[in-house]
Amino acid sequence: MNAIIATIATLLSLIFQQSYIARAKGPVTFVVGDDLGWTLDGYPESWTLGKKFYAGDILEFKYDTEDANVVVVDKKDHDDCSVSDTSVFYSSGDDKIQLQFGANYFICSWPLNQCQMGMKVAINATAPPPSLLVH
């Protein structure tokens, strides 16, 4: 029994070390909605649960250009599902957007009512972890 516990502890330690080393090597790219992409089926508002985001990480929005777009907005526009003069629009169907330190807000502004139905995401990107020193 002790051997099993020791093996599990070793495996968990290795997994943690590998994820930390991978993170320390640079930004991570997250596909919004995972395999479902930037769609209502991808549950964008809850997609962030359990994920840790750092400034410099990249969000990849994959979607059908006939069904969606991506708009970088401020908190008010995110909450109101609106756009303003400061909003930045993307419509390639495969948009990669680097997270800035702090709050980042994204909505779908087309077709109408997509945002109101939940096609929006808010992410707080923390400072990146310190790099590992290689000797």
N, C-alpha and C. Protein backbone atom coordinates (compact mmCIF):
# COMPACT_ATOMS: atom_id res chain seq x y z
N MET A 1 0.82 -1.19 0.00
CA MET A 1 0.00 0.00 0.00
C MET A 1 0.86 1.25 0.00
N ASN A 2 1.93 1.25 0.83
CA ASN A 2 2.83 2.41 0.88
C ASN A 2 3.52 2.63 -0.46
N ALA A 3 3.82 1.55 -1.17
CA ALA A 3 4.47 1.67 -2.48
C ALA A 3 3.53 2.34 -3.48
N ILE A 4 2.24 2.03 -3.40
CA ILE A 4 1.26 2.64 -4.30
C ILE A 4 1.15 4.13 -4.02
N ILE A 5 1.08 4.48 -2.75
CA ILE A 5 0.98 5.89 -2.37
C ILE A 5 2.24 6.64 -2.80
N ALA A 6 3.39 6.04 -2.61
CA ALA A 6 4.65 6.68 -3.02
C ALA A 6 4.68 6.86 -4.53
N THR A 7 4.21 5.88 -5.28
CA THR A 7 4.19 5.98 -6.74
C THR A 7 3.25 7.09 -7.19
N ILE A 8 2.09 7.17 -6.57
CA ILE A 8 1.13 8.23 -6.92
C ILE A 8 1.72 9.60 -6.59
N ALA A 9 2.34 9.72 -5.43
CA ALA A 9 2.94 10.99 -5.03
C ALA A 9 4.05 11.39 -6.01
N THR A 10 4.85 10.44 -6.44
CA THR A 10 5.92 10.72 -7.40
C THR A 10 5.35 11.18 -8.73
N LEU A 11 4.31 10.49 -9.21
CA LEU A 11 3.68 10.87 -10.48
C LEU A 11 3.09 12.27 -10.41
N LEU A 12 2.40 12.58 -9.32
CA LEU A 12 1.82 13.92 -9.16
C LEU A 12 2.92 14.98 -9.12
N SER A 13 4.01 14.69 -8.46
CA SER A 13 5.13 15.63 -8.39
C SER A 13 5.70 15.87 -9.78
N LEU A 14 5.87 14.81 -10.57
CA LEU A 14 6.40 14.96 -11.93
C LEU A 14 5.45 15.76 -12.82
N ILE A 15 4.16 15.51 -12.68
CA ILE A 15 3.17 16.25 -13.48
C ILE A 15 3.25 17.74 -13.12
N PHE A 16 3.30 18.05 -11.83
CA PHE A 16 3.39 19.45 -11.40
C PHE A 16 4.66 20.10 -11.93
N GLN A 17 5.79 19.40 -11.83
CA GLN A 17 7.05 19.95 -12.30
C GLN A 17 7.00 20.22 -13.80
N GLN A 18 6.45 19.29 -14.57
CA GLN A 18 6.37 19.46 -16.01
C GLN A 18 5.48 20.64 -16.38
N SER A 19 4.35 20.79 -15.70
CA SER A 19 3.47 21.91 -16.02
C SER A 19 4.13 23.23 -15.64
N TYR A 20 4.88 23.25 -14.55
CA TYR A 20 5.56 24.48 -14.14
C TYR A 20 6.68 24.82 -15.13
N ILE A 21 7.43 23.80 -15.55
CA ILE A 21 8.51 24.04 -16.51
C ILE A 21 7.93 24.52 -17.84
N ALA A 22 6.84 23.90 -18.29
CA ALA A 22 6.22 24.33 -19.54
C ALA A 22 5.75 25.77 -19.42
N ARG A 23 5.17 26.14 -18.31
CA ARG A 23 4.67 27.50 -18.09
C ARG A 23 5.85 28.47 -18.05
N ALA A 24 6.95 28.07 -17.43
CA ALA A 24 8.09 28.97 -17.29
C ALA A 24 8.77 29.23 -18.63
N LYS A 25 8.57 28.37 -19.62
CA LYS A 25 9.21 28.54 -20.92
C LYS A 25 8.52 29.59 -21.77
N GLY A 26 7.32 30.00 -21.43
CA GLY A 26 6.66 31.02 -22.22
C GLY A 26 5.16 30.94 -22.13
N PRO A 27 4.50 31.78 -22.93
CA PRO A 27 3.04 31.85 -22.86
C PRO A 27 2.38 30.55 -23.32
N VAL A 28 1.20 30.33 -22.79
CA VAL A 28 0.40 29.16 -23.15
C VAL A 28 -0.75 29.63 -24.03
N THR A 29 -1.08 28.85 -25.06
CA THR A 29 -2.21 29.17 -25.91
C THR A 29 -3.41 28.34 -25.47
N PHE A 30 -4.53 29.01 -25.22
CA PHE A 30 -5.78 28.37 -24.83
C PHE A 30 -6.77 28.53 -25.98
N VAL A 31 -7.39 27.44 -26.41
CA VAL A 31 -8.46 27.53 -27.40
C VAL A 31 -9.75 27.75 -26.63
N VAL A 32 -10.36 28.91 -26.84
CA VAL A 32 -11.59 29.26 -26.13
C VAL A 32 -12.69 28.28 -26.52
N GLY A 33 -13.31 27.66 -25.51
CA GLY A 33 -14.34 26.65 -25.75
C GLY A 33 -13.78 25.27 -26.02
N ASP A 34 -12.46 25.12 -25.91
CA ASP A 34 -11.77 23.85 -26.17
C ASP A 34 -12.18 23.31 -27.55
N ASP A 35 -12.55 22.03 -27.64
CA ASP A 35 -12.87 21.42 -28.94
C ASP A 35 -14.11 22.02 -29.60
N LEU A 36 -14.99 22.63 -28.83
CA LEU A 36 -16.21 23.20 -29.39
C LEU A 36 -15.98 24.60 -29.98
N GLY A 37 -14.88 25.24 -29.60
CA GLY A 37 -14.55 26.55 -30.13
C GLY A 37 -15.41 27.66 -29.54
N TRP A 38 -15.33 28.82 -30.18
CA TRP A 38 -16.02 30.04 -29.76
C TRP A 38 -17.45 29.95 -30.26
N THR A 39 -18.26 29.19 -29.52
CA THR A 39 -19.68 29.01 -29.82
C THR A 39 -20.44 28.98 -28.51
N LEU A 40 -21.74 29.12 -28.59
CA LEU A 40 -22.54 28.99 -27.38
C LEU A 40 -22.42 27.57 -26.81
N ASP A 41 -22.24 26.58 -27.69
CA ASP A 41 -22.08 25.20 -27.23
C ASP A 41 -20.80 25.02 -26.41
N GLY A 42 -19.82 25.92 -26.60
CA GLY A 42 -18.57 25.85 -25.85
C GLY A 42 -18.66 26.49 -24.47
N TYR A 43 -19.85 26.98 -24.10
CA TYR A 43 -20.09 27.59 -22.79
C TYR A 43 -18.99 28.59 -22.42
N PRO A 44 -18.84 29.65 -23.22
CA PRO A 44 -17.72 30.57 -22.98
C PRO A 44 -17.67 31.18 -21.58
N GLU A 45 -18.82 31.48 -20.99
CA GLU A 45 -18.78 32.12 -19.66
C GLU A 45 -18.22 31.20 -18.59
N SER A 46 -18.43 29.90 -18.71
CA SER A 46 -17.92 28.97 -17.69
C SER A 46 -16.66 28.25 -18.14
N TRP A 47 -16.24 28.44 -19.39
CA TRP A 47 -15.06 27.78 -19.93
C TRP A 47 -13.80 28.07 -19.11
N THR A 48 -13.72 29.24 -18.51
CA THR A 48 -12.52 29.63 -17.77
C THR A 48 -12.35 28.91 -16.43
N LEU A 49 -13.42 28.30 -15.93
CA LEU A 49 -13.35 27.67 -14.60
C LEU A 49 -12.24 26.63 -14.55
N GLY A 50 -11.43 26.73 -13.51
CA GLY A 50 -10.34 25.77 -13.30
C GLY A 50 -9.08 26.07 -14.09
N LYS A 51 -9.09 27.15 -14.86
CA LYS A 51 -7.91 27.51 -15.64
C LYS A 51 -7.21 28.70 -14.99
N LYS A 52 -5.91 28.74 -15.12
CA LYS A 52 -5.10 29.84 -14.60
C LYS A 52 -4.50 30.59 -15.79
N PHE A 53 -4.75 31.89 -15.85
CA PHE A 53 -4.29 32.69 -16.98
C PHE A 53 -3.25 33.70 -16.50
N TYR A 54 -2.22 33.88 -17.31
CA TYR A 54 -1.16 34.83 -17.02
C TYR A 54 -1.06 35.85 -18.14
N ALA A 55 -0.62 37.04 -17.80
CA ALA A 55 -0.36 38.05 -18.82
C ALA A 55 0.62 37.47 -19.83
N GLY A 56 0.32 37.63 -21.11
CA GLY A 56 1.16 37.07 -22.16
C GLY A 56 0.60 35.79 -22.75
N ASP A 57 -0.25 35.08 -22.01
CA ASP A 57 -0.89 33.90 -22.57
C ASP A 57 -1.74 34.32 -23.77
N ILE A 58 -2.06 33.37 -24.61
CA ILE A 58 -2.80 33.67 -25.84
C ILE A 58 -4.12 32.93 -25.85
N LEU A 59 -5.18 33.66 -26.16
CA LEU A 59 -6.48 33.04 -26.37
C LEU A 59 -6.67 32.88 -27.86
N GLU A 60 -7.02 31.67 -28.27
CA GLU A 60 -7.31 31.40 -29.68
C GLU A 60 -8.81 31.20 -29.82
N PHE A 61 -9.44 32.05 -30.58
CA PHE A 61 -10.87 31.98 -30.83
C PHE A 61 -11.09 31.33 -32.19
N LYS A 62 -11.64 30.12 -32.19
CA LYS A 62 -11.93 29.41 -33.44
C LYS A 62 -13.44 29.38 -33.63
N TYR A 63 -13.91 29.85 -34.81
CA TYR A 63 -15.35 29.95 -35.04
C TYR A 63 -15.63 30.06 -36.53
N ASP A 64 -16.87 29.81 -36.88
CA ASP A 64 -17.35 29.99 -38.25
C ASP A 64 -17.63 31.49 -38.44
N THR A 65 -17.01 32.10 -39.42
CA THR A 65 -17.15 33.54 -39.61
C THR A 65 -18.57 33.95 -39.99
N GLU A 66 -19.39 33.01 -40.40
CA GLU A 66 -20.79 33.33 -40.69
C GLU A 66 -21.65 33.32 -39.43
N ASP A 67 -21.09 32.77 -38.34
CA ASP A 67 -21.86 32.62 -37.10
C ASP A 67 -21.38 33.46 -35.94
N ALA A 68 -20.22 34.11 -36.06
CA ALA A 68 -19.68 34.80 -34.89
C ALA A 68 -18.58 35.78 -35.28
N ASN A 69 -18.18 36.57 -34.30
CA ASN A 69 -16.98 37.39 -34.35
C ASN A 69 -16.44 37.47 -32.93
N VAL A 70 -15.36 38.18 -32.73
CA VAL A 70 -14.80 38.41 -31.41
C VAL A 70 -14.55 39.90 -31.28
N VAL A 71 -14.93 40.45 -30.14
CA VAL A 71 -14.70 41.87 -29.90
C VAL A 71 -14.06 42.02 -28.51
N VAL A 72 -12.93 42.70 -28.48
CA VAL A 72 -12.29 43.03 -27.21
C VAL A 72 -12.96 44.30 -26.70
N VAL A 73 -13.49 44.23 -25.49
CA VAL A 73 -14.26 45.34 -24.94
C VAL A 73 -13.81 45.65 -23.51
N ASP A 74 -14.35 46.70 -22.95
CA ASP A 74 -14.09 47.00 -21.55
C ASP A 74 -15.18 46.34 -20.68
N LYS A 75 -15.07 46.47 -19.38
CA LYS A 75 -16.00 45.81 -18.46
C LYS A 75 -17.44 46.24 -18.70
N LYS A 76 -17.66 47.53 -18.87
CA LYS A 76 -19.02 48.02 -19.08
C LYS A 76 -19.63 47.40 -20.34
N ASP A 77 -18.88 47.42 -21.43
CA ASP A 77 -19.39 46.84 -22.68
C ASP A 77 -19.59 45.33 -22.55
N HIS A 78 -18.73 44.67 -21.81
CA HIS A 78 -18.90 43.23 -21.56
C HIS A 78 -20.20 42.99 -20.81
N ASP A 79 -20.40 43.74 -19.74
CA ASP A 79 -21.59 43.54 -18.92
C ASP A 79 -22.87 43.91 -19.66
N ASP A 80 -22.79 44.95 -20.51
CA ASP A 80 -23.96 45.42 -21.26
C ASP A 80 -24.13 44.73 -22.62
N CYS A 81 -23.15 43.90 -23.01
CA CYS A 81 -23.15 43.30 -24.35
C CYS A 81 -23.24 44.38 -25.42
N SER A 82 -22.35 45.36 -25.30
CA SER A 82 -22.34 46.45 -26.28
C SER A 82 -20.91 46.69 -26.75
N VAL A 83 -20.77 47.51 -27.78
CA VAL A 83 -19.46 47.89 -28.29
C VAL A 83 -19.36 49.41 -28.24
N SER A 84 -18.12 49.91 -28.28
CA SER A 84 -17.89 51.36 -28.23
C SER A 84 -16.74 51.70 -29.17
N ASP A 85 -16.36 52.97 -29.16
CA ASP A 85 -15.27 53.43 -30.02
C ASP A 85 -13.93 52.76 -29.69
N THR A 86 -13.79 52.28 -28.47
CA THR A 86 -12.52 51.66 -28.06
C THR A 86 -12.51 50.15 -28.30
N SER A 87 -13.60 49.57 -28.74
CA SER A 87 -13.68 48.13 -28.98
C SER A 87 -12.81 47.74 -30.17
N VAL A 88 -12.22 46.54 -30.09
CA VAL A 88 -11.39 46.02 -31.17
C VAL A 88 -12.06 44.77 -31.72
N PHE A 89 -12.34 44.77 -33.03
CA PHE A 89 -13.09 43.69 -33.68
C PHE A 89 -12.16 42.72 -34.39
N TYR A 90 -12.50 41.43 -34.29
CA TYR A 90 -11.79 40.36 -35.00
C TYR A 90 -12.83 39.53 -35.73
N SER A 91 -12.47 39.04 -36.92
CA SER A 91 -13.45 38.26 -37.68
C SER A 91 -12.81 37.24 -38.62
N SER A 92 -11.62 36.76 -38.29
CA SER A 92 -10.93 35.82 -39.19
C SER A 92 -11.42 34.38 -39.06
N GLY A 93 -12.04 34.06 -37.92
CA GLY A 93 -12.43 32.68 -37.65
C GLY A 93 -11.37 31.90 -36.89
N ASP A 94 -10.17 32.48 -36.78
CA ASP A 94 -9.09 31.86 -36.01
C ASP A 94 -8.21 33.00 -35.47
N ASP A 95 -8.74 33.70 -34.49
CA ASP A 95 -8.08 34.88 -33.95
C ASP A 95 -7.28 34.53 -32.71
N LYS A 96 -6.04 35.00 -32.66
CA LYS A 96 -5.17 34.78 -31.51
C LYS A 96 -4.93 36.13 -30.84
N ILE A 97 -5.34 36.23 -29.58
CA ILE A 97 -5.27 37.49 -28.86
C ILE A 97 -4.49 37.28 -27.57
N GLN A 98 -3.45 38.08 -27.39
CA GLN A 98 -2.61 37.96 -26.20
C GLN A 98 -3.26 38.67 -25.02
N LEU A 99 -3.27 37.99 -23.89
CA LEU A 99 -3.86 38.55 -22.68
C LEU A 99 -2.96 39.63 -22.08
N GLN A 100 -3.58 40.70 -21.67
CA GLN A 100 -2.88 41.78 -20.97
C GLN A 100 -3.00 41.52 -19.46
N PHE A 101 -2.09 42.09 -18.70
CA PHE A 101 -2.15 41.96 -17.25
C PHE A 101 -3.45 42.58 -16.75
N GLY A 102 -4.16 41.87 -15.90
CA GLY A 102 -5.41 42.36 -15.32
C GLY A 102 -6.62 41.82 -16.06
N ALA A 103 -7.69 42.60 -16.05
CA ALA A 103 -8.96 42.16 -16.62
C ALA A 103 -8.95 42.24 -18.15
N ASN A 104 -9.47 41.19 -18.78
CA ASN A 104 -9.60 41.11 -20.23
C ASN A 104 -11.03 40.68 -20.52
N TYR A 105 -11.70 41.38 -21.43
CA TYR A 105 -13.11 41.12 -21.72
C TYR A 105 -13.32 40.91 -23.21
N PHE A 106 -14.11 39.88 -23.55
CA PHE A 106 -14.38 39.53 -24.94
C PHE A 106 -15.87 39.22 -25.09
N ILE A 107 -16.44 39.66 -26.20
CA ILE A 107 -17.83 39.34 -26.50
C ILE A 107 -17.96 38.97 -27.98
N CYS A 108 -19.08 38.38 -28.32
CA CYS A 108 -19.49 38.19 -29.70
C CYS A 108 -20.57 39.24 -29.96
N SER A 109 -20.35 40.09 -30.96
CA SER A 109 -21.33 41.16 -31.22
C SER A 109 -22.22 40.85 -32.42
N TRP A 110 -21.90 39.75 -33.12
CA TRP A 110 -22.69 39.40 -34.30
C TRP A 110 -22.79 37.89 -34.41
N PRO A 111 -23.92 37.33 -34.70
CA PRO A 111 -25.20 38.01 -34.88
C PRO A 111 -25.73 38.57 -33.56
N LEU A 112 -26.71 39.43 -33.70
CA LEU A 112 -27.29 40.08 -32.52
C LEU A 112 -27.77 39.05 -31.51
N ASN A 113 -27.69 39.40 -30.26
CA ASN A 113 -28.15 38.61 -29.12
C ASN A 113 -27.24 37.44 -28.74
N GLN A 114 -26.18 37.17 -29.48
CA GLN A 114 -25.27 36.09 -29.10
C GLN A 114 -24.66 36.38 -27.72
N CYS A 115 -24.23 37.61 -27.52
CA CYS A 115 -23.63 37.98 -26.24
C CYS A 115 -24.64 37.83 -25.11
N GLN A 116 -25.85 38.30 -25.33
CA GLN A 116 -26.88 38.22 -24.29
C GLN A 116 -27.20 36.76 -23.94
N MET A 117 -26.98 35.86 -24.89
CA MET A 117 -27.23 34.43 -24.64
C MET A 117 -26.03 33.76 -23.99
N GLY A 118 -24.93 34.50 -23.75
CA GLY A 118 -23.80 33.95 -23.02
C GLY A 118 -22.50 33.87 -23.79
N MET A 119 -22.47 34.42 -25.00
CA MET A 119 -21.24 34.34 -25.78
C MET A 119 -20.33 35.52 -25.42
N LYS A 120 -19.76 35.41 -24.23
CA LYS A 120 -18.81 36.40 -23.74
C LYS A 120 -17.94 35.74 -22.70
N VAL A 121 -16.78 36.32 -22.49
CA VAL A 121 -15.86 35.75 -21.52
C VAL A 121 -15.06 36.87 -20.87
N ALA A 122 -14.84 36.73 -19.57
CA ALA A 122 -14.02 37.68 -18.80
C ALA A 122 -12.88 36.89 -18.16
N ILE A 123 -11.68 37.40 -18.30
CA ILE A 123 -10.50 36.70 -17.79
C ILE A 123 -9.62 37.68 -17.06
N ASN A 124 -9.17 37.29 -15.86
CA ASN A 124 -8.20 38.08 -15.13
C ASN A 124 -6.84 37.41 -15.30
N ALA A 125 -5.94 38.09 -15.96
CA ALA A 125 -4.60 37.53 -16.19
C ALA A 125 -3.65 38.08 -15.13
N THR A 126 -3.07 37.17 -14.37
CA THR A 126 -2.13 37.57 -13.32
C THR A 126 -0.74 37.73 -13.92
N ALA A 127 0.17 38.25 -13.12
CA ALA A 127 1.56 38.40 -13.58
C ALA A 127 2.13 37.03 -13.89
N PRO A 128 2.96 36.93 -14.91
CA PRO A 128 3.55 35.62 -15.23
C PRO A 128 4.44 35.14 -14.11
N PRO A 129 4.53 33.81 -13.94
CA PRO A 129 5.40 33.28 -12.89
C PRO A 129 6.86 33.56 -13.23
N PRO A 130 7.74 33.58 -12.23
CA PRO A 130 9.15 33.80 -12.52
C PRO A 130 9.71 32.67 -13.36
N SER A 131 10.62 33.00 -14.25
CA SER A 131 11.25 31.98 -15.09
C SER A 131 12.18 31.12 -14.25
N LEU A 132 12.31 29.89 -14.69
CA LEU A 132 13.26 29.00 -14.02
C LEU A 132 14.66 29.35 -14.45
N LEU A 133 15.56 29.38 -13.52
CA LEU A 133 16.97 29.66 -13.86
C LEU A 133 17.64 28.36 -14.25
N VAL A 134 18.28 28.36 -15.39
CA VAL A 134 18.98 27.16 -15.87
C VAL A 134 20.46 27.38 -15.64
N HIS A 135 21.08 26.42 -14.96
CA HIS A 135 22.52 26.54 -14.68
C HIS A 135 23.26 25.51 -15.49
